[in-house]
């Protein structure tokens, strides 16, 4: 792949999702993440037109490609799924921002961050605290 192809792919307005992402379409699909026995789940809110989102998504995807023990990764494209983004905000009490990552453990928020604060090390440190 040429240098310019890699640049184009990095700054594409398409999501180019890893197969490990789940893309919820209904509130019911997300509701199960807020149950006491749901385990570890990560919700990531993204906008395809935001450069900060593109870089944050790449950082979160480092976890997808690792052996980290997170049950599921949920990708919400906020411009296409504003209602789902609002639902997550209501359930968590966390004001919507994008990019935004929220780590849930058995339905409770254990960590969240937005913009450039979305860092793999912060997520890994939270996972150590949980285990």
N, C-alpha and C. Protein backbone atom coordinates (compact mmCIF):
# COMPACT_ATOMS: atom_id res chain seq x y z
N UNK A 1 0.85 -1.17 0.00
CA UNK A 1 0.00 0.00 0.00
C UNK A 1 0.90 1.23 0.00
N UNK A 2 0.59 2.16 -0.85
CA UNK A 2 1.41 3.36 -0.96
C UNK A 2 1.16 4.31 0.21
N UNK A 3 2.07 5.21 0.38
CA UNK A 3 1.96 6.22 1.44
C UNK A 3 0.66 6.99 1.31
N UNK A 4 0.32 7.42 0.09
CA UNK A 4 -0.89 8.22 -0.11
C UNK A 4 -2.16 7.40 0.12
N UNK A 5 -2.13 6.13 -0.17
CA UNK A 5 -3.28 5.26 0.12
C UNK A 5 -3.50 5.14 1.62
N UNK A 6 -2.40 5.01 2.36
CA UNK A 6 -2.52 4.92 3.82
C UNK A 6 -3.08 6.22 4.39
N UNK A 7 -2.62 7.35 3.88
CA UNK A 7 -3.13 8.65 4.33
C UNK A 7 -4.62 8.75 4.01
N UNK A 8 -5.00 8.37 2.81
CA UNK A 8 -6.41 8.44 2.42
C UNK A 8 -7.25 7.57 3.34
N UNK A 9 -6.80 6.36 3.64
CA UNK A 9 -7.55 5.47 4.52
C UNK A 9 -7.64 6.02 5.94
N UNK A 10 -6.59 6.68 6.40
CA UNK A 10 -6.60 7.25 7.75
C UNK A 10 -7.62 8.37 7.86
N UNK A 11 -7.75 9.18 6.82
CA UNK A 11 -8.62 10.34 6.88
C UNK A 11 -9.94 10.14 6.13
N UNK A 12 -10.31 8.92 5.89
CA UNK A 12 -11.56 8.62 5.21
C UNK A 12 -12.73 9.00 6.09
N UNK A 13 -13.85 9.37 5.47
CA UNK A 13 -15.05 9.68 6.24
C UNK A 13 -15.88 8.43 6.49
N UNK A 14 -15.41 7.27 6.06
CA UNK A 14 -16.08 6.02 6.36
C UNK A 14 -15.47 5.44 7.62
N UNK A 15 -16.24 4.60 8.32
CA UNK A 15 -15.79 4.07 9.59
C UNK A 15 -14.75 2.97 9.45
N UNK A 16 -14.76 2.17 8.37
CA UNK A 16 -13.81 1.07 8.19
C UNK A 16 -13.64 0.27 9.47
N UNK A 17 -14.71 -0.40 9.87
CA UNK A 17 -14.73 -1.06 11.17
C UNK A 17 -14.09 -2.44 11.18
N UNK A 18 -13.34 -2.69 12.22
CA UNK A 18 -12.83 -4.01 12.53
C UNK A 18 -14.03 -4.92 12.78
N UNK A 19 -13.91 -6.19 12.44
CA UNK A 19 -15.04 -7.13 12.58
C UNK A 19 -15.43 -7.37 14.04
N UNK A 20 -14.59 -6.98 14.98
CA UNK A 20 -14.91 -7.18 16.40
C UNK A 20 -15.88 -6.12 16.94
N UNK A 21 -16.08 -5.05 16.19
CA UNK A 21 -17.04 -4.02 16.62
C UNK A 21 -18.46 -4.55 16.46
N UNK A 22 -19.29 -4.23 17.40
CA UNK A 22 -20.73 -4.43 17.29
C UNK A 22 -21.33 -3.06 17.02
N UNK A 23 -22.23 -2.98 16.06
CA UNK A 23 -22.85 -1.71 15.73
C UNK A 23 -24.34 -1.81 16.09
N UNK A 24 -24.70 -1.36 17.28
CA UNK A 24 -26.09 -1.47 17.72
C UNK A 24 -27.02 -0.59 16.89
N UNK A 25 -28.24 -1.07 16.73
CA UNK A 25 -29.23 -0.32 15.98
C UNK A 25 -30.42 0.09 16.83
N UNK A 26 -30.56 -0.52 18.01
CA UNK A 26 -31.70 -0.22 18.88
C UNK A 26 -31.24 -0.02 20.33
N UNK A 27 -32.06 0.68 21.09
CA UNK A 27 -31.79 0.85 22.52
C UNK A 27 -31.76 -0.49 23.24
N UNK A 28 -32.58 -1.43 22.79
CA UNK A 28 -32.65 -2.75 23.41
C UNK A 28 -31.30 -3.47 23.33
N UNK A 29 -30.61 -3.30 22.22
CA UNK A 29 -29.30 -3.93 22.07
C UNK A 29 -28.31 -3.37 23.08
N UNK A 30 -28.43 -2.09 23.40
CA UNK A 30 -27.55 -1.47 24.38
C UNK A 30 -28.00 -1.73 25.81
N UNK A 31 -29.29 -1.88 26.00
CA UNK A 31 -29.85 -2.08 27.34
C UNK A 31 -29.20 -3.26 28.06
N UNK A 32 -28.88 -4.31 27.33
CA UNK A 32 -28.28 -5.49 27.96
C UNK A 32 -26.91 -5.19 28.58
N UNK A 33 -26.24 -4.14 28.12
CA UNK A 33 -24.94 -3.77 28.67
C UNK A 33 -25.06 -3.19 30.08
N UNK A 34 -26.27 -2.78 30.44
CA UNK A 34 -26.50 -2.14 31.74
C UNK A 34 -27.07 -3.10 32.77
N UNK A 35 -27.01 -4.39 32.49
CA UNK A 35 -27.47 -5.41 33.44
C UNK A 35 -26.31 -5.80 34.36
N UNK A 36 -26.66 -6.27 35.58
CA UNK A 36 -25.66 -6.60 36.58
C UNK A 36 -24.71 -7.72 36.16
N UNK A 37 -25.13 -8.59 35.30
CA UNK A 37 -24.29 -9.73 34.91
C UNK A 37 -23.68 -9.56 33.52
N UNK A 38 -23.58 -8.34 33.03
CA UNK A 38 -23.14 -8.11 31.65
C UNK A 38 -21.63 -8.18 31.45
N UNK A 39 -20.85 -8.15 32.53
CA UNK A 39 -19.40 -8.21 32.40
C UNK A 39 -18.82 -6.90 31.90
N UNK A 40 -17.67 -6.98 31.25
CA UNK A 40 -16.97 -5.81 30.74
C UNK A 40 -17.37 -5.50 29.30
N UNK A 41 -17.77 -4.26 29.06
CA UNK A 41 -18.18 -3.84 27.73
C UNK A 41 -17.71 -2.41 27.50
N UNK A 42 -17.35 -2.12 26.27
CA UNK A 42 -16.90 -0.78 25.93
C UNK A 42 -17.81 -0.19 24.86
N UNK A 43 -18.24 1.03 25.10
CA UNK A 43 -19.03 1.79 24.12
C UNK A 43 -18.14 2.91 23.62
N UNK A 44 -18.08 3.04 22.31
CA UNK A 44 -17.29 4.11 21.70
C UNK A 44 -18.19 4.92 20.79
N UNK A 45 -18.24 6.24 21.03
CA UNK A 45 -19.04 7.16 20.20
C UNK A 45 -18.09 7.88 19.25
N UNK A 46 -18.48 7.96 18.00
CA UNK A 46 -17.59 8.40 16.93
C UNK A 46 -18.34 9.28 15.93
N UNK A 47 -17.62 10.21 15.33
CA UNK A 47 -18.14 10.98 14.21
C UNK A 47 -17.15 10.85 13.06
N UNK A 48 -17.62 10.41 11.93
CA UNK A 48 -16.74 10.20 10.77
C UNK A 48 -16.15 11.49 10.22
N UNK A 49 -16.68 12.63 10.61
CA UNK A 49 -16.18 13.89 10.08
C UNK A 49 -15.23 14.60 11.05
N UNK A 50 -14.87 13.94 12.13
CA UNK A 50 -14.04 14.55 13.16
C UNK A 50 -12.66 13.90 13.18
N UNK A 51 -11.62 14.70 13.01
CA UNK A 51 -10.26 14.16 13.00
C UNK A 51 -9.87 13.58 14.35
N UNK A 52 -10.29 14.21 15.43
CA UNK A 52 -9.97 13.69 16.75
C UNK A 52 -10.57 12.30 16.92
N UNK A 53 -11.78 12.10 16.38
CA UNK A 53 -12.44 10.79 16.45
C UNK A 53 -11.63 9.73 15.71
N UNK A 54 -11.11 10.09 14.58
CA UNK A 54 -10.35 9.13 13.77
C UNK A 54 -9.13 8.62 14.55
N UNK A 55 -8.44 9.52 15.21
CA UNK A 55 -7.26 9.10 15.99
C UNK A 55 -7.66 8.34 17.25
N UNK A 56 -8.74 8.77 17.90
CA UNK A 56 -9.21 8.06 19.11
C UNK A 56 -9.66 6.65 18.76
N UNK A 57 -10.33 6.50 17.63
CA UNK A 57 -10.77 5.17 17.19
C UNK A 57 -9.58 4.24 17.00
N UNK A 58 -8.53 4.75 16.41
CA UNK A 58 -7.32 3.93 16.22
C UNK A 58 -6.75 3.48 17.56
N UNK A 59 -6.79 4.36 18.57
CA UNK A 59 -6.29 3.97 19.89
C UNK A 59 -7.17 2.88 20.50
N UNK A 60 -8.48 3.04 20.41
CA UNK A 60 -9.39 2.04 20.96
C UNK A 60 -9.21 0.71 20.23
N UNK A 61 -8.98 0.77 18.94
CA UNK A 61 -8.82 -0.46 18.18
C UNK A 61 -7.55 -1.23 18.55
N UNK A 62 -6.61 -0.58 19.22
CA UNK A 62 -5.47 -1.32 19.75
C UNK A 62 -5.95 -2.39 20.72
N UNK A 63 -7.00 -2.09 21.46
CA UNK A 63 -7.57 -3.06 22.40
C UNK A 63 -8.25 -4.21 21.65
N UNK A 64 -8.90 -3.88 20.56
CA UNK A 64 -9.58 -4.91 19.76
C UNK A 64 -8.58 -5.96 19.27
N UNK A 65 -7.39 -5.52 18.97
CA UNK A 65 -6.38 -6.41 18.41
C UNK A 65 -5.47 -7.02 19.47
N UNK A 66 -5.82 -6.83 20.73
CA UNK A 66 -5.01 -7.38 21.82
C UNK A 66 -5.77 -8.54 22.48
N UNK A 67 -5.20 -9.06 23.53
CA UNK A 67 -5.87 -10.16 24.24
C UNK A 67 -6.64 -9.66 25.47
N UNK A 68 -6.97 -8.39 25.49
CA UNK A 68 -7.71 -7.81 26.60
C UNK A 68 -9.08 -8.51 26.74
N UNK A 69 -9.50 -8.68 27.98
CA UNK A 69 -10.72 -9.44 28.27
C UNK A 69 -11.95 -8.53 28.39
N UNK A 70 -12.33 -7.90 27.31
CA UNK A 70 -13.55 -7.10 27.25
C UNK A 70 -14.55 -7.91 26.43
N UNK A 71 -15.75 -8.10 26.99
CA UNK A 71 -16.75 -8.94 26.32
C UNK A 71 -17.15 -8.43 24.95
N UNK A 72 -17.40 -7.11 24.86
CA UNK A 72 -17.87 -6.58 23.59
C UNK A 72 -17.48 -5.12 23.43
N UNK A 73 -17.34 -4.73 22.18
CA UNK A 73 -17.01 -3.36 21.79
C UNK A 73 -18.16 -2.85 20.92
N UNK A 74 -18.77 -1.74 21.33
CA UNK A 74 -19.94 -1.20 20.63
C UNK A 74 -19.60 0.15 20.03
N UNK A 75 -19.84 0.28 18.74
CA UNK A 75 -19.49 1.46 17.97
C UNK A 75 -20.76 2.22 17.62
N UNK A 76 -20.84 3.47 18.05
CA UNK A 76 -21.99 4.31 17.72
C UNK A 76 -21.49 5.49 16.91
N UNK A 77 -21.93 5.58 15.67
CA UNK A 77 -21.61 6.73 14.82
C UNK A 77 -22.68 7.76 15.14
N UNK A 78 -22.30 8.82 15.84
CA UNK A 78 -23.28 9.72 16.44
C UNK A 78 -24.14 10.49 15.44
N UNK A 79 -23.62 10.79 14.29
CA UNK A 79 -24.43 11.51 13.30
C UNK A 79 -25.52 10.61 12.72
N UNK A 80 -25.23 9.32 12.63
CA UNK A 80 -26.19 8.37 12.07
C UNK A 80 -27.14 7.81 13.14
N UNK A 81 -26.68 7.84 14.39
CA UNK A 81 -27.43 7.19 15.47
C UNK A 81 -27.51 8.09 16.70
N UNK A 82 -27.99 9.28 16.50
CA UNK A 82 -28.09 10.25 17.60
C UNK A 82 -28.95 9.72 18.74
N UNK A 83 -30.04 9.02 18.41
CA UNK A 83 -30.91 8.49 19.47
C UNK A 83 -30.17 7.49 20.36
N UNK A 84 -29.33 6.64 19.77
CA UNK A 84 -28.55 5.69 20.56
C UNK A 84 -27.53 6.42 21.44
N UNK A 85 -26.90 7.43 20.90
CA UNK A 85 -25.95 8.21 21.67
C UNK A 85 -26.65 8.87 22.86
N UNK A 86 -27.82 9.42 22.62
CA UNK A 86 -28.60 10.04 23.70
C UNK A 86 -29.01 9.01 24.74
N UNK A 87 -29.38 7.82 24.30
CA UNK A 87 -29.76 6.74 25.21
C UNK A 87 -28.60 6.41 26.15
N UNK A 88 -27.40 6.29 25.60
CA UNK A 88 -26.22 5.99 26.42
C UNK A 88 -25.99 7.13 27.42
N UNK A 89 -26.15 8.36 27.00
CA UNK A 89 -25.98 9.50 27.90
C UNK A 89 -26.99 9.44 29.05
N UNK A 90 -28.22 9.11 28.71
CA UNK A 90 -29.26 9.00 29.74
C UNK A 90 -28.96 7.87 30.73
N UNK A 91 -28.54 6.73 30.21
CA UNK A 91 -28.27 5.57 31.07
C UNK A 91 -27.06 5.78 31.96
N UNK A 92 -26.06 6.47 31.46
CA UNK A 92 -24.81 6.63 32.21
C UNK A 92 -24.75 7.92 33.01
N UNK A 93 -25.52 8.91 32.60
CA UNK A 93 -25.43 10.23 33.23
C UNK A 93 -24.22 11.01 32.76
N UNK A 94 -23.59 10.55 31.68
CA UNK A 94 -22.40 11.21 31.13
C UNK A 94 -22.83 12.03 29.92
N UNK A 95 -22.52 13.32 29.98
CA UNK A 95 -22.84 14.22 28.88
C UNK A 95 -22.20 13.72 27.58
N UNK A 96 -22.94 13.75 26.50
CA UNK A 96 -22.43 13.29 25.21
C UNK A 96 -21.30 14.18 24.72
N UNK A 97 -20.26 13.52 24.25
CA UNK A 97 -19.19 14.17 23.50
C UNK A 97 -18.71 13.14 22.49
N UNK A 98 -18.04 13.60 21.47
CA UNK A 98 -17.42 12.64 20.57
C UNK A 98 -16.07 13.18 20.13
N UNK A 99 -15.10 12.30 20.13
CA UNK A 99 -15.20 10.89 20.47
C UNK A 99 -15.38 10.72 21.98
N UNK A 100 -15.95 9.59 22.32
CA UNK A 100 -16.16 9.27 23.72
C UNK A 100 -16.09 7.76 23.89
N UNK A 101 -15.39 7.33 24.93
CA UNK A 101 -15.31 5.91 25.25
C UNK A 101 -15.81 5.71 26.67
N UNK A 102 -16.62 4.68 26.85
CA UNK A 102 -17.20 4.37 28.15
C UNK A 102 -17.00 2.89 28.42
N UNK A 103 -16.36 2.59 29.53
CA UNK A 103 -16.13 1.21 29.94
C UNK A 103 -17.13 0.86 31.04
N UNK A 104 -17.92 -0.17 30.79
CA UNK A 104 -18.93 -0.63 31.75
C UNK A 104 -18.51 -1.97 32.33
N UNK A 105 -18.75 -2.14 33.60
CA UNK A 105 -18.55 -3.44 34.24
C UNK A 105 -19.82 -3.79 34.99
N UNK A 106 -20.47 -4.87 34.56
CA UNK A 106 -21.75 -5.29 35.14
C UNK A 106 -22.73 -4.13 35.23
N UNK A 107 -22.79 -3.35 34.15
CA UNK A 107 -23.77 -2.29 34.02
C UNK A 107 -23.38 -0.95 34.61
N UNK A 108 -22.26 -0.88 35.30
CA UNK A 108 -21.83 0.37 35.93
C UNK A 108 -20.65 0.97 35.17
N UNK A 109 -20.66 2.29 35.08
CA UNK A 109 -19.54 2.98 34.44
C UNK A 109 -18.33 2.89 35.36
N UNK A 110 -17.24 2.34 34.82
CA UNK A 110 -15.98 2.25 35.57
C UNK A 110 -14.95 3.24 35.08
N UNK A 111 -15.10 3.69 33.85
CA UNK A 111 -14.16 4.64 33.27
C UNK A 111 -14.82 5.27 32.06
N UNK A 112 -14.54 6.53 31.82
CA UNK A 112 -14.97 7.17 30.58
C UNK A 112 -14.03 8.33 30.27
N UNK A 113 -13.93 8.63 29.01
CA UNK A 113 -13.09 9.74 28.57
C UNK A 113 -13.59 10.22 27.22
N UNK A 114 -13.18 11.41 26.88
CA UNK A 114 -13.52 11.94 25.56
C UNK A 114 -12.31 12.64 24.97
N UNK A 115 -12.41 12.87 23.69
CA UNK A 115 -11.38 13.56 22.92
C UNK A 115 -10.00 12.91 23.10
N UNK A 116 -8.98 13.70 23.33
CA UNK A 116 -7.62 13.15 23.39
C UNK A 116 -7.35 12.43 24.71
N UNK A 117 -8.29 12.43 25.63
CA UNK A 117 -8.13 11.70 26.90
C UNK A 117 -8.39 10.20 26.74
N UNK A 118 -8.84 9.80 25.57
CA UNK A 118 -9.08 8.38 25.31
C UNK A 118 -7.72 7.74 25.05
N UNK A 119 -7.22 7.03 26.05
CA UNK A 119 -5.90 6.42 25.97
C UNK A 119 -5.98 4.95 26.39
N UNK A 120 -5.28 4.11 25.66
CA UNK A 120 -5.27 2.68 25.93
C UNK A 120 -4.76 2.40 27.35
N UNK A 121 -3.71 3.08 27.77
CA UNK A 121 -3.15 2.84 29.11
C UNK A 121 -4.18 3.12 30.20
N UNK A 122 -4.98 4.15 30.03
CA UNK A 122 -6.01 4.47 31.03
C UNK A 122 -7.04 3.35 31.11
N UNK A 123 -7.42 2.80 29.97
CA UNK A 123 -8.37 1.69 29.95
C UNK A 123 -7.74 0.46 30.60
N UNK A 124 -6.50 0.17 30.25
CA UNK A 124 -5.82 -0.99 30.82
C UNK A 124 -5.65 -0.86 32.33
N UNK A 125 -5.35 0.33 32.82
CA UNK A 125 -5.25 0.55 34.26
C UNK A 125 -6.57 0.33 34.96
N UNK A 126 -7.66 0.75 34.33
CA UNK A 126 -8.98 0.52 34.90
C UNK A 126 -9.29 -0.97 34.93
N UNK A 127 -8.92 -1.69 33.89
CA UNK A 127 -9.15 -3.13 33.85
C UNK A 127 -8.39 -3.83 34.97
N UNK A 128 -7.17 -3.38 35.25
CA UNK A 128 -6.40 -3.96 36.36
C UNK A 128 -7.10 -3.71 37.68
N UNK A 129 -7.66 -2.55 37.88
CA UNK A 129 -8.37 -2.22 39.11
C UNK A 129 -9.61 -3.10 39.28
N UNK A 130 -10.29 -3.38 38.19
CA UNK A 130 -11.50 -4.21 38.24
C UNK A 130 -11.16 -5.65 38.59
N UNK A 131 -10.09 -6.15 37.97
CA UNK A 131 -9.70 -7.56 38.20
C UNK A 131 -8.92 -7.64 39.45
